[in-house]
Amino acid sequence: LNHLHPSNQISSEGCKWLSEVLKINRSLTSLNLQKNQISKEGCKWLSEVFKFNQSLTSLNLISNQISSEGCKWLSDGLEFNRSLTSLECGSNQISSEGCKWLGEGLKINRSLTSIN
């Protein structure tokens, strides 16, 4: 399995369970979580994935419920990740503070080449 696009209204609780699998998965390269119900708590779980999974290259989080605080969690994980090249997080509730947090993660992360 290289690509996963679950479209059944995954919540932050669902991210918790998904993250447990993704931390040990070595084949998934693309995860599309667009148009789900992922909030800052879900970002906390996804940040753990970034720390352990080095096969994921593309993550789509467009149209969720991600706030600036969620961006802080994502940023924390990005500092450890060396495989993610594309992160899409448009159409969320991200303010300039959230952009600042993502920028902090990008100071250390050298693999991400596209962020939207």
C-alpha atoms as a PDB file:
ATOM      1  CA  LEU A   1       0.000   0.000   0.000  1.00  0.00           C
ATOM      2  CA  ASN A   2       1.583   3.265  -1.166  1.00  0.00           C
ATOM      3  CA  HIS A   3      -1.349   5.705  -1.085  1.00  0.00           C
ATOM      4  CA  LEU A   4      -4.180   6.066   1.425  1.00  0.00           C
ATOM      5  CA  HIS A   5      -7.183   8.358   1.067  1.00  0.00           C
ATOM      6  CA  PRO A   6      -9.723   7.560   3.787  1.00  0.00           C
ATOM      7  CA  SER A   7     -12.779   9.740   3.390  1.00  0.00           C
ATOM      8  CA  ASN A   8     -14.995   8.740   6.253  1.00  0.00           C
ATOM      9  CA  GLN A   9     -14.829  11.781   8.512  1.00  0.00           C
ATOM     10  CA  ILE A  10     -11.734  10.878  10.474  1.00  0.00           C
ATOM     11  CA  SER A  11     -11.630  12.758  13.751  1.00  0.00           C
ATOM     12  CA  SER A  12      -8.689  13.534  15.973  1.00  0.00           C
ATOM     13  CA  GLU A  13      -9.442  10.314  17.852  1.00  0.00           C
ATOM     14  CA  GLY A  14      -9.202   8.457  14.550  1.00  0.00           C
ATOM     15  CA  CYS A  15      -5.814  10.111  13.996  1.00  0.00           C
ATOM     16  CA  LYS A  16      -4.643   8.604  17.254  1.00  0.00           C
ATOM     17  CA  TRP A  17      -5.273   5.088  15.986  1.00  0.00           C
ATOM     18  CA  LEU A  18      -4.034   5.836  12.495  1.00  0.00           C
ATOM     19  CA  SER A  19      -0.811   7.277  13.896  1.00  0.00           C
ATOM     20  CA  GLU A  20      -0.054   4.074  15.795  1.00  0.00           C
ATOM     21  CA  VAL A  21      -0.070   2.160  12.510  1.00  0.00           C
ATOM     22  CA  LEU A  22       1.809   4.829  10.568  1.00  0.00           C
ATOM     23  CA  LYS A  23       4.630   4.967  13.108  1.00  0.00           C
ATOM     24  CA  ILE A  24       5.626   1.424  12.110  1.00  0.00           C
ATOM     25  CA  ASN A  25       4.554   1.467   8.456  1.00  0.00           C
ATOM     26  CA  ARG A  26       7.403   1.584   5.943  1.00  0.00           C
ATOM     27  CA  SER A  27       5.563   1.532   2.603  1.00  0.00           C
ATOM     28  CA  LEU A  28       2.977   4.343   2.643  1.00  0.00           C
ATOM     29  CA  THR A  29       4.253   7.379   0.740  1.00  0.00           C
ATOM     30  CA  SER A  30       1.068   9.443   0.356  1.00  0.00           C
ATOM     31  CA  LEU A  31      -1.638  10.137   2.948  1.00  0.00           C
ATOM     32  CA  ASN A  32      -4.635  12.214   1.938  1.00  0.00           C
ATOM     33  CA  LEU A  33      -6.726  13.274   4.949  1.00  0.00           C
ATOM     34  CA  GLN A  34      -8.489  16.075   3.099  1.00  0.00           C
ATOM     35  CA  LYS A  35     -12.007  17.036   4.254  1.00  0.00           C
ATOM     36  CA  ASN A  36     -12.028  15.218   7.563  1.00  0.00           C
ATOM     37  CA  GLN A  37     -12.496  16.481  11.115  1.00  0.00           C
ATOM     38  CA  ILE A  38      -8.901  16.687  12.276  1.00  0.00           C
ATOM     39  CA  SER A  39      -8.183  19.340  14.896  1.00  0.00           C
ATOM     40  CA  LYS A  40      -5.193  20.284  17.047  1.00  0.00           C
ATOM     41  CA  GLU A  41      -5.395  16.964  18.902  1.00  0.00           C
ATOM     42  CA  GLY A  42      -5.125  15.104  15.598  1.00  0.00           C
ATOM     43  CA  CYS A  43      -2.070  17.185  14.723  1.00  0.00           C
ATOM     44  CA  LYS A  44      -0.504  16.082  17.994  1.00  0.00           C
ATOM     45  CA  TRP A  45      -0.834  12.452  16.896  1.00  0.00           C
ATOM     46  CA  LEU A  46       0.380  13.197  13.373  1.00  0.00           C
ATOM     47  CA  SER A  47       3.465  14.917  14.771  1.00  0.00           C
ATOM     48  CA  GLU A  48       4.390  11.599  16.381  1.00  0.00           C
ATOM     49  CA  VAL A  49       4.178   9.964  12.950  1.00  0.00           C
ATOM     50  CA  PHE A  50       6.670  12.515  11.593  1.00  0.00           C
ATOM     51  CA  LYS A  51       9.158  11.478  14.276  1.00  0.00           C
ATOM     52  CA  PHE A  52       9.105   7.767  13.413  1.00  0.00           C
ATOM     53  CA  ASN A  53       7.881   7.284   9.846  1.00  0.00           C
ATOM     54  CA  GLN A  54      10.471   8.009   7.174  1.00  0.00           C
ATOM     55  CA  SER A  55       8.562   6.721   4.129  1.00  0.00           C
ATOM     56  CA  LEU A  56       5.720   9.268   4.011  1.00  0.00           C
ATOM     57  CA  THR A  57       6.499  11.934   1.420  1.00  0.00           C
ATOM     58  CA  SER A  58       3.108  13.627   0.964  1.00  0.00           C
ATOM     59  CA  LEU A  59       0.462  14.661   3.516  1.00  0.00           C
ATOM     60  CA  ASN A  60      -2.770  16.425   2.571  1.00  0.00           C
ATOM     61  CA  LEU A  61      -4.645  18.061   5.469  1.00  0.00           C
ATOM     62  CA  ILE A  62      -6.737  20.508   3.413  1.00  0.00           C
ATOM     63  CA  SER A  63     -10.184  21.397   4.797  1.00  0.00           C
ATOM     64  CA  ASN A  64      -9.986  20.099   8.335  1.00  0.00           C
ATOM     65  CA  GLN A  65     -10.317  21.931  11.654  1.00  0.00           C
ATOM     66  CA  ILE A  66      -6.647  22.666  12.208  1.00  0.00           C
ATOM     67  CA  SER A  67      -5.863  25.749  14.271  1.00  0.00           C
ATOM     68  CA  SER A  68      -2.625  27.591  14.888  1.00  0.00           C
ATOM     69  CA  GLU A  69      -2.074  25.400  17.945  1.00  0.00           C
ATOM     70  CA  GLY A  70      -2.299  22.389  15.640  1.00  0.00           C
ATOM     71  CA  CYS A  71       0.466  23.948  13.552  1.00  0.00           C
ATOM     72  CA  LYS A  72       2.673  24.022  16.638  1.00  0.00           C
ATOM     73  CA  TRP A  73       2.265  20.249  16.935  1.00  0.00           C
ATOM     74  CA  LEU A  74       2.975  19.738  13.241  1.00  0.00           C
ATOM     75  CA  SER A  75       6.058  21.932  13.533  1.00  0.00           C
ATOM     76  CA  ASP A  76       7.371  19.856  16.432  1.00  0.00           C
ATOM     77  CA  GLY A  77       7.156  16.726  14.293  1.00  0.00           C
ATOM     78  CA  LEU A  78       8.638  18.367  11.209  1.00  0.00           C
ATOM     79  CA  GLU A  79      11.833  19.051  13.135  1.00  0.00           C
ATOM     80  CA  PHE A  80      12.489  15.291  13.226  1.00  0.00           C
ATOM     81  CA  ASN A  81      11.208  14.231   9.815  1.00  0.00           C
ATOM     82  CA  ARG A  82      13.510  13.697   6.842  1.00  0.00           C
ATOM     83  CA  SER A  83      11.128  12.251   4.228  1.00  0.00           C
ATOM     84  CA  LEU A  84       8.085  14.534   3.892  1.00  0.00           C
ATOM     85  CA  THR A  85       8.398  16.689   0.784  1.00  0.00           C
ATOM     86  CA  SER A  86       4.824  17.991   0.448  1.00  0.00           C
ATOM     87  CA  LEU A  87       2.447  19.299   3.139  1.00  0.00           C
ATOM     88  CA  GLU A  88      -0.926  20.711   2.168  1.00  0.00           C
ATOM     89  CA  CYS A  89      -2.865  22.403   4.939  1.00  0.00           C
ATOM     90  CA  GLY A  90      -4.959  25.076   3.244  1.00  0.00           C
ATOM     91  CA  SER A  91      -8.602  25.833   4.101  1.00  0.00           C
ATOM     92  CA  ASN A  92      -8.111  25.417   7.833  1.00  0.00           C
ATOM     93  CA  GLN A  93      -8.229  27.873  10.750  1.00  0.00           C
ATOM     94  CA  ILE A  94      -4.554  28.785  10.638  1.00  0.00           C
ATOM     95  CA  SER A  95      -3.611  32.343  11.598  1.00  0.00           C
ATOM     96  CA  SER A  96      -0.310  34.149  11.190  1.00  0.00           C
ATOM     97  CA  GLU A  97       0.762  32.594  14.503  1.00  0.00           C
ATOM     98  CA  GLY A  98       0.262  29.134  12.985  1.00  0.00           C
ATOM     99  CA  CYS A  99       2.372  30.135   9.998  1.00  0.00           C
ATOM    100  CA  LYS A 100       5.065  31.265  12.423  1.00  0.00           C
ATOM    101  CA  TRP A 101       5.033  27.840  14.085  1.00  0.00           C
ATOM    102  CA  LEU A 102       5.322  26.059  10.750  1.00  0.00           C
ATOM    103  CA  GLY A 103       8.212  28.342   9.889  1.00  0.00           C
ATOM    104  CA  GLU A 104       9.992  27.284  13.061  1.00  0.00           C
ATOM    105  CA  GLY A 105       9.745  23.647  12.009  1.00  0.00           C
ATOM    106  CA  LEU A 106      11.029  24.486   8.555  1.00  0.00           C
ATOM    107  CA  LYS A 107      14.190  26.036  10.003  1.00  0.00           C
ATOM    108  CA  ILE A 108      15.314  22.523  10.886  1.00  0.00           C
ATOM    109  CA  ASN A 109      13.477  20.369   8.327  1.00  0.00           C
ATOM    110  CA  ARG A 110      15.353  20.133   5.047  1.00  0.00           C
ATOM    111  CA  SER A 111      13.142  17.665   3.140  1.00  0.00           C
ATOM    112  CA  LEU A 112       9.934  19.691   2.761  1.00  0.00           C
ATOM    113  CA  THR A 113       9.908  21.385  -0.634  1.00  0.00           C
ATOM    114  CA  SER A 114       6.217  22.264  -0.968  1.00  0.00           C
ATOM    115  CA  ILE A 115       3.813  23.664   1.605  1.00  0.00           C
ATOM    116  CA  ASN A 116       0.369  24.981   0.766  1.00  0.00           C
END
